[in-house]
Amino acid sequence: MEKHLKEAVKIFIWFMIGACFFTVCLHFIYKEFQEMHRFDLPEGPAVKVMDEGTTWFPFDILKGE
């Protein structure tokens, strides 16, 4: 019985070490992607594509437009 308890404690400790390592790796990966500029500002004579006054499609149907 004592042997099984030692093995269970050893497995639990290795699991906790692995979980902490995995969490730290995910934190660094997340931080790296947060610092990456995915959408650069357009250069030159750019035109704004989205109009601020547009409404969501289903509400137009409910209004009868």
C-alpha atoms as a PDB file:
ATOM      1  CA  MET A   1       0.000   0.000   0.000  1.00  0.00           C
ATOM      2  CA  GLU A   2       2.830   2.386   0.820  1.00  0.00           C
ATOM      3  CA  LYS A   3       4.410   1.693  -2.574  1.00  0.00           C
ATOM      4  CA  HIS A   4       1.180   2.647  -4.376  1.00  0.00           C
ATOM      5  CA  LEU A   5       0.922   5.853  -2.362  1.00  0.00           C
ATOM      6  CA  LYS A   6       4.493   6.843  -3.268  1.00  0.00           C
ATOM      7  CA  GLU A   7       3.816   6.141  -6.943  1.00  0.00           C
ATOM      8  CA  ALA A   8       0.593   8.172  -6.829  1.00  0.00           C
ATOM      9  CA  VAL A   9       2.377  11.111  -5.187  1.00  0.00           C
ATOM     10  CA  LYS A  10       5.190  10.889  -7.762  1.00  0.00           C
ATOM     11  CA  ILE A  11       2.687  10.881 -10.637  1.00  0.00           C
ATOM     12  CA  PHE A  12       0.816  13.826  -9.099  1.00  0.00           C
ATOM     13  CA  ILE A  13       4.039  15.841  -8.723  1.00  0.00           C
ATOM     14  CA  TRP A  14       5.089  15.135 -12.336  1.00  0.00           C
ATOM     15  CA  PHE A  15       1.598  16.072 -13.493  1.00  0.00           C
ATOM     16  CA  MET A  16       1.776  19.394 -11.618  1.00  0.00           C
ATOM     17  CA  ILE A  17       5.240  20.145 -13.053  1.00  0.00           C
ATOM     18  CA  GLY A  18       3.990  19.387 -16.566  1.00  0.00           C
ATOM     19  CA  ALA A  19       0.845  21.478 -16.091  1.00  0.00           C
ATOM     20  CA  CYS A  20       2.888  24.448 -14.828  1.00  0.00           C
ATOM     21  CA  PHE A  21       5.319  24.123 -17.745  1.00  0.00           C
ATOM     22  CA  PHE A  22       2.424  23.949 -20.211  1.00  0.00           C
ATOM     23  CA  THR A  23       0.776  27.027 -18.660  1.00  0.00           C
ATOM     24  CA  VAL A  24       3.994  29.047 -18.809  1.00  0.00           C
ATOM     25  CA  CYS A  25       4.494  28.071 -22.460  1.00  0.00           C
ATOM     26  CA  LEU A  26       0.936  29.134 -23.314  1.00  0.00           C
ATOM     27  CA  HIS A  27       1.521  32.442 -21.532  1.00  0.00           C
ATOM     28  CA  PHE A  28       4.652  33.157 -23.586  1.00  0.00           C
ATOM     29  CA  ILE A  29       2.936  32.165 -26.841  1.00  0.00           C
ATOM     30  CA  TYR A  30      -0.044  34.412 -26.028  1.00  0.00           C
ATOM     31  CA  LYS A  31       2.266  37.312 -25.165  1.00  0.00           C
ATOM     32  CA  GLU A  32       4.168  36.848 -28.449  1.00  0.00           C
ATOM     33  CA  PHE A  33       0.951  36.973 -30.496  1.00  0.00           C
ATOM     34  CA  GLN A  34      -0.330  40.010 -28.597  1.00  0.00           C
ATOM     35  CA  GLU A  35       2.794  41.978 -29.513  1.00  0.00           C
ATOM     36  CA  MET A  36       2.546  41.017 -33.192  1.00  0.00           C
ATOM     37  CA  HIS A  37       0.988  43.672 -35.421  1.00  0.00           C
ATOM     38  CA  ARG A  38      -1.531  41.654 -37.404  1.00  0.00           C
ATOM     39  CA  PHE A  39      -3.219  44.595 -39.075  1.00  0.00           C
ATOM     40  CA  ASP A  40      -0.873  47.292 -40.261  1.00  0.00           C
ATOM     41  CA  LEU A  41      -2.291  50.698 -41.104  1.00  0.00           C
ATOM     42  CA  PRO A  42      -2.783  51.224 -44.831  1.00  0.00           C
ATOM     43  CA  GLU A  43      -0.192  53.294 -46.600  1.00  0.00           C
ATOM     44  CA  GLY A  44      -0.963  55.906 -49.222  1.00  0.00           C
ATOM     45  CA  PRO A  45      -4.410  57.095 -50.334  1.00  0.00           C
ATOM     46  CA  ALA A  46      -6.532  54.467 -48.607  1.00  0.00           C
ATOM     47  CA  VAL A  47     -10.325  54.505 -48.635  1.00  0.00           C
ATOM     48  CA  LYS A  48     -12.365  53.654 -45.553  1.00  0.00           C
ATOM     49  CA  VAL A  49     -14.344  50.518 -46.368  1.00  0.00           C
ATOM     50  CA  MET A  50     -16.861  50.314 -43.528  1.00  0.00           C
ATOM     51  CA  ASP A  51     -19.620  52.885 -43.215  1.00  0.00           C
ATOM     52  CA  GLU A  52     -20.479  53.779 -39.607  1.00  0.00           C
ATOM     53  CA  GLY A  53     -24.170  54.350 -40.367  1.00  0.00           C
ATOM     54  CA  THR A  54     -24.994  50.835 -41.563  1.00  0.00           C
ATOM     55  CA  THR A  55     -27.396  48.690 -39.556  1.00  0.00           C
ATOM     56  CA  TRP A  56     -27.444  44.982 -38.961  1.00  0.00           C
ATOM     57  CA  PHE A  57     -29.288  43.052 -41.696  1.00  0.00           C
ATOM     58  CA  PRO A  58     -32.179  41.361 -39.759  1.00  0.00           C
ATOM     59  CA  PHE A  59     -33.252  44.654 -38.165  1.00  0.00           C
ATOM     60  CA  ASP A  60     -33.796  46.151 -41.627  1.00  0.00           C
ATOM     61  CA  ILE A  61     -36.266  43.350 -42.424  1.00  0.00           C
ATOM     62  CA  LEU A  62     -38.136  43.885 -39.164  1.00  0.00           C
ATOM     63  CA  LYS A  63     -38.479  47.613 -39.908  1.00  0.00           C
ATOM     64  CA  GLY A  64     -40.041  46.866 -43.287  1.00  0.00           C
ATOM     65  CA  GLU A  65     -37.255  48.406 -45.308  1.00  0.00           C
END
